[in-house]
């Protein structure tokens, strides 16, 4: 068998796996995880009811529910990713320019990847600053609610 044909076939198989099988597998594993968590919560509630008939099921479920992320946490995560991606884009672009200056090879991956990553980081930073300004009242209300609960 011709080596080129074999390599083309291997590349096609890898692409099919990456484009079709991998996303399906991720969705299936995520759904399976959610179903297993729901089954575990159900088992805990049933065993609590069996042991103590007086158990308040609603309060138990509220305590077992996963904690919601606060708006401030979400905004800080966007700030973090914005900084990381912006700096990574700048670094890749600078390194690509350095390689072009040293070797004269314009086709390097760094000079192509940097300008695509940097705007994503800048978009995260813009999203953070706009979100901080727009959601200031909601963040303050969330903090007051947490203080009142404690």
C-alpha atoms as a PDB file:
ATOM      1  CA  UNK A   1       0.000   0.000   0.000  1.00  0.00           C
ATOM      2  CA  UNK A   2       1.207   3.436  -0.833  1.00  0.00           C
ATOM      3  CA  UNK A   3       2.517   5.376   2.178  1.00  0.00           C
ATOM      4  CA  UNK A   4       0.776   8.616   1.143  1.00  0.00           C
ATOM      5  CA  UNK A   5      -2.608   6.905   0.804  1.00  0.00           C
ATOM      6  CA  UNK A   6      -2.128   5.271   4.196  1.00  0.00           C
ATOM      7  CA  UNK A   7      -1.285   8.585   5.849  1.00  0.00           C
ATOM      8  CA  UNK A   8      -4.267  10.312   4.213  1.00  0.00           C
ATOM      9  CA  UNK A   9      -6.539   7.556   5.497  1.00  0.00           C
ATOM     10  CA  UNK A  10      -5.117   7.873   9.019  1.00  0.00           C
ATOM     11  CA  UNK A  11      -5.631  11.648   8.943  1.00  0.00           C
ATOM     12  CA  UNK A  12      -9.243  11.201   7.781  1.00  0.00           C
ATOM     13  CA  UNK A  13      -9.921   8.707  10.557  1.00  0.00           C
ATOM     14  CA  UNK A  14      -8.428  11.063  13.141  1.00  0.00           C
ATOM     15  CA  UNK A  15     -10.554  13.934  11.813  1.00  0.00           C
ATOM     16  CA  UNK A  16     -13.717  11.830  11.975  1.00  0.00           C
ATOM     17  CA  UNK A  17     -12.910  10.840  15.537  1.00  0.00           C
ATOM     18  CA  UNK A  18     -12.168  14.441  16.541  1.00  0.00           C
ATOM     19  CA  UNK A  19     -15.215  15.961  14.829  1.00  0.00           C
ATOM     20  CA  UNK A  20     -17.884  13.304  15.380  1.00  0.00           C
ATOM     21  CA  UNK A  21     -16.991  10.811  18.080  1.00  0.00           C
ATOM     22  CA  UNK A  22     -15.378  13.143  20.607  1.00  0.00           C
ATOM     23  CA  UNK A  23     -18.309  15.617  20.918  1.00  0.00           C
ATOM     24  CA  UNK A  24     -20.824  12.759  21.146  1.00  0.00           C
ATOM     25  CA  UNK A  25     -18.722  11.125  23.843  1.00  0.00           C
ATOM     26  CA  UNK A  26     -18.475  14.376  25.812  1.00  0.00           C
ATOM     27  CA  UNK A  27     -22.249  14.921  25.711  1.00  0.00           C
ATOM     28  CA  UNK A  28     -22.926  11.306  26.690  1.00  0.00           C
ATOM     29  CA  UNK A  29     -20.508  11.461  29.651  1.00  0.00           C
ATOM     30  CA  UNK A  30     -21.973  14.770  30.825  1.00  0.00           C
ATOM     31  CA  UNK A  31     -25.540  13.395  30.708  1.00  0.00           C
ATOM     32  CA  UNK A  32     -24.466  10.227  32.493  1.00  0.00           C
ATOM     33  CA  UNK A  33     -22.861  12.319  35.242  1.00  0.00           C
ATOM     34  CA  UNK A  34     -26.034  14.380  35.726  1.00  0.00           C
ATOM     35  CA  UNK A  35     -28.212  11.252  35.858  1.00  0.00           C
ATOM     36  CA  UNK A  36     -25.923   9.609  38.409  1.00  0.00           C
ATOM     37  CA  UNK A  37     -25.944  12.755  40.591  1.00  0.00           C
ATOM     38  CA  UNK A  38     -29.758  12.836  40.478  1.00  0.00           C
ATOM     39  CA  UNK A  39     -29.901   9.138  41.401  1.00  0.00           C
ATOM     40  CA  UNK A  40     -27.537   9.690  44.326  1.00  0.00           C
ATOM     41  CA  UNK A  41     -29.642  12.600  45.630  1.00  0.00           C
ATOM     42  CA  UNK A  42     -32.760  10.435  45.312  1.00  0.00           C
ATOM     43  CA  UNK A  43     -31.129   7.613  47.271  1.00  0.00           C
ATOM     44  CA  UNK A  44     -30.046  10.017  50.022  1.00  0.00           C
ATOM     45  CA  UNK A  45     -33.536  11.504  50.330  1.00  0.00           C
ATOM     46  CA  UNK A  46     -35.169   8.063  50.377  1.00  0.00           C
ATOM     47  CA  UNK A  47     -32.817   6.791  53.062  1.00  0.00           C
ATOM     48  CA  UNK A  48     -33.355   9.957  55.134  1.00  0.00           C
ATOM     49  CA  UNK A  49     -37.124   9.491  54.889  1.00  0.00           C
ATOM     50  CA  UNK A  50     -36.831   5.803  55.878  1.00  0.00           C
ATOM     51  CA  UNK A  51     -34.754   6.640  58.952  1.00  0.00           C
ATOM     52  CA  UNK A  52     -36.785   9.633  60.076  1.00  0.00           C
ATOM     53  CA  UNK A  53     -40.360  10.172  58.930  1.00  0.00           C
ATOM     54  CA  UNK A  54     -40.286  13.761  60.219  1.00  0.00           C
ATOM     55  CA  UNK A  55     -37.545  14.839  57.759  1.00  0.00           C
ATOM     56  CA  UNK A  56     -38.225  18.045  55.846  1.00  0.00           C
ATOM     57  CA  UNK A  57     -37.502  16.948  52.282  1.00  0.00           C
ATOM     58  CA  UNK A  58     -37.502  20.456  50.786  1.00  0.00           C
ATOM     59  CA  UNK A  59     -34.899  21.704  53.258  1.00  0.00           C
ATOM     60  CA  UNK A  60     -32.762  18.615  52.697  1.00  0.00           C
ATOM     61  CA  UNK A  61     -32.879  19.062  48.921  1.00  0.00           C
ATOM     62  CA  UNK A  62     -32.033  22.749  49.266  1.00  0.00           C
ATOM     63  CA  UNK A  63     -28.969  21.871  51.347  1.00  0.00           C
ATOM     64  CA  UNK A  64     -27.890  19.212  48.843  1.00  0.00           C
ATOM     65  CA  UNK A  65     -28.337  21.431  45.784  1.00  0.00           C
ATOM     66  CA  UNK A  66     -25.107  22.619  44.190  1.00  0.00           C
ATOM     67  CA  UNK A  67     -24.187  26.162  45.124  1.00  0.00           C
ATOM     68  CA  UNK A  68     -24.837  28.797  42.480  1.00  0.00           C
ATOM     69  CA  UNK A  69     -21.853  30.818  41.399  1.00  0.00           C
ATOM     70  CA  UNK A  70     -22.090  34.457  42.337  1.00  0.00           C
ATOM     71  CA  UNK A  71     -22.126  37.179  39.692  1.00  0.00           C
ATOM     72  CA  UNK A  72     -18.870  38.520  41.076  1.00  0.00           C
ATOM     73  CA  UNK A  73     -17.210  35.121  40.663  1.00  0.00           C
ATOM     74  CA  UNK A  74     -18.410  34.866  37.070  1.00  0.00           C
ATOM     75  CA  UNK A  75     -17.092  38.337  36.279  1.00  0.00           C
ATOM     76  CA  UNK A  76     -13.731  37.593  37.898  1.00  0.00           C
ATOM     77  CA  UNK A  77     -13.471  34.410  35.839  1.00  0.00           C
ATOM     78  CA  UNK A  78     -14.024  36.471  32.690  1.00  0.00           C
ATOM     79  CA  UNK A  79     -11.326  38.892  33.832  1.00  0.00           C
ATOM     80  CA  UNK A  80      -8.932  36.005  34.423  1.00  0.00           C
ATOM     81  CA  UNK A  81      -9.543  34.440  30.998  1.00  0.00           C
ATOM     82  CA  UNK A  82      -9.371  37.843  29.342  1.00  0.00           C
ATOM     83  CA  UNK A  83      -5.961  38.534  30.816  1.00  0.00           C
ATOM     84  CA  UNK A  84      -4.651  35.054  30.020  1.00  0.00           C
ATOM     85  CA  UNK A  85      -5.811  35.043  26.405  1.00  0.00           C
ATOM     86  CA  UNK A  86      -4.748  38.625  25.707  1.00  0.00           C
ATOM     87  CA  UNK A  87      -1.253  38.036  27.071  1.00  0.00           C
ATOM     88  CA  UNK A  88      -1.007  34.694  25.279  1.00  0.00           C
ATOM     89  CA  UNK A  89      -2.028  36.335  22.010  1.00  0.00           C
ATOM     90  CA  UNK A  90       0.526  39.103  22.504  1.00  0.00           C
ATOM     91  CA  UNK A  91       3.248  36.605  23.381  1.00  0.00           C
ATOM     92  CA  UNK A  92       2.506  34.385  20.364  1.00  0.00           C
ATOM     93  CA  UNK A  93       2.475  37.380  18.035  1.00  0.00           C
ATOM     94  CA  UNK A  94       5.743  38.718  19.461  1.00  0.00           C
ATOM     95  CA  UNK A  95       7.385  35.292  19.244  1.00  0.00           C
ATOM     96  CA  UNK A  96       6.151  34.898  15.662  1.00  0.00           C
ATOM     97  CA  UNK A  97       7.607  38.291  14.736  1.00  0.00           C
ATOM     98  CA  UNK A  98      10.887  37.264  16.379  1.00  0.00           C
ATOM     99  CA  UNK A  99      10.970  34.075  14.288  1.00  0.00           C
ATOM    100  CA  UNK A 100      10.194  36.012  11.112  1.00  0.00           C
ATOM    101  CA  UNK A 101      13.011  38.454  11.875  1.00  0.00           C
ATOM    102  CA  UNK A 102      15.434  35.629  12.591  1.00  0.00           C
ATOM    103  CA  UNK A 103      14.607  33.184   9.818  1.00  0.00           C
ATOM    104  CA  UNK A 104      12.514  35.145   7.370  1.00  0.00           C
ATOM    105  CA  UNK A 105       9.875  32.377   7.345  1.00  0.00           C
ATOM    106  CA  UNK A 106       6.452  34.029   7.223  1.00  0.00           C
ATOM    107  CA  UNK A 107       4.513  30.766   7.435  1.00  0.00           C
ATOM    108  CA  UNK A 108       5.033  30.059  11.125  1.00  0.00           C
ATOM    109  CA  UNK A 109       2.088  29.135  13.304  1.00  0.00           C
ATOM    110  CA  UNK A 110       2.725  31.722  16.014  1.00  0.00           C
ATOM    111  CA  UNK A 111       2.179  34.767  13.822  1.00  0.00           C
ATOM    112  CA  UNK A 112      -1.111  33.237  12.641  1.00  0.00           C
ATOM    113  CA  UNK A 113      -2.423  32.131  16.047  1.00  0.00           C
ATOM    114  CA  UNK A 114      -1.615  35.242  18.077  1.00  0.00           C
ATOM    115  CA  UNK A 115      -3.946  37.673  16.268  1.00  0.00           C
ATOM    116  CA  UNK A 116      -6.809  35.178  16.604  1.00  0.00           C
ATOM    117  CA  UNK A 117      -6.359  34.572  20.340  1.00  0.00           C
ATOM    118  CA  UNK A 118      -5.774  38.191  21.369  1.00  0.00           C
ATOM    119  CA  UNK A 119      -9.221  39.529  20.288  1.00  0.00           C
ATOM    120  CA  UNK A 120     -10.922  36.757  22.236  1.00  0.00           C
ATOM    121  CA  UNK A 121      -9.052  37.870  25.341  1.00  0.00           C
ATOM    122  CA  UNK A 122      -9.907  41.498  24.650  1.00  0.00           C
ATOM    123  CA  UNK A 123     -13.569  40.505  24.260  1.00  0.00           C
ATOM    124  CA  UNK A 124     -13.470  38.812  27.684  1.00  0.00           C
ATOM    125  CA  UNK A 125     -11.944  41.962  29.189  1.00  0.00           C
ATOM    126  CA  UNK A 126     -14.600  44.173  27.600  1.00  0.00           C
ATOM    127  CA  UNK A 127     -17.274  41.768  28.833  1.00  0.00           C
ATOM    128  CA  UNK A 128     -15.858  42.008  32.356  1.00  0.00           C
ATOM    129  CA  UNK A 129     -15.778  45.816  32.473  1.00  0.00           C
ATOM    130  CA  UNK A 130     -19.208  46.248  30.896  1.00  0.00           C
ATOM    131  CA  UNK A 131     -20.677  43.507  33.117  1.00  0.00           C
ATOM    132  CA  UNK A 132     -19.179  45.097  36.218  1.00  0.00           C
ATOM    133  CA  UNK A 133     -20.775  48.411  35.371  1.00  0.00           C
ATOM    134  CA  UNK A 134     -24.164  46.982  34.347  1.00  0.00           C
ATOM    135  CA  UNK A 135     -24.474  44.421  37.143  1.00  0.00           C
ATOM    136  CA  UNK A 136     -23.224  46.614  40.005  1.00  0.00           C
ATOM    137  CA  UNK A 137     -26.641  46.765  41.716  1.00  0.00           C
ATOM    138  CA  UNK A 138     -27.238  43.024  41.348  1.00  0.00           C
ATOM    139  CA  UNK A 139     -23.807  42.224  42.783  1.00  0.00           C
ATOM    140  CA  UNK A 140     -24.468  44.515  45.749  1.00  0.00           C
ATOM    141  CA  UNK A 141     -27.892  42.902  46.334  1.00  0.00           C
ATOM    142  CA  UNK A 142     -26.293  39.434  46.159  1.00  0.00           C
ATOM    143  CA  UNK A 143     -23.680  40.419  48.747  1.00  0.00           C
ATOM    144  CA  UNK A 144     -26.347  41.877  51.050  1.00  0.00           C
ATOM    145  CA  UNK A 145     -28.373  38.674  50.734  1.00  0.00           C
ATOM    146  CA  UNK A 146     -25.332  36.585  51.655  1.00  0.00           C
ATOM    147  CA  UNK A 147     -24.633  38.787  54.674  1.00  0.00           C
ATOM    148  CA  UNK A 148     -28.251  38.487  55.818  1.00  0.00           C
ATOM    149  CA  UNK A 149     -28.125  34.677  55.519  1.00  0.00           C
ATOM    150  CA  UNK A 150     -24.966  34.416  57.608  1.00  0.00           C
END
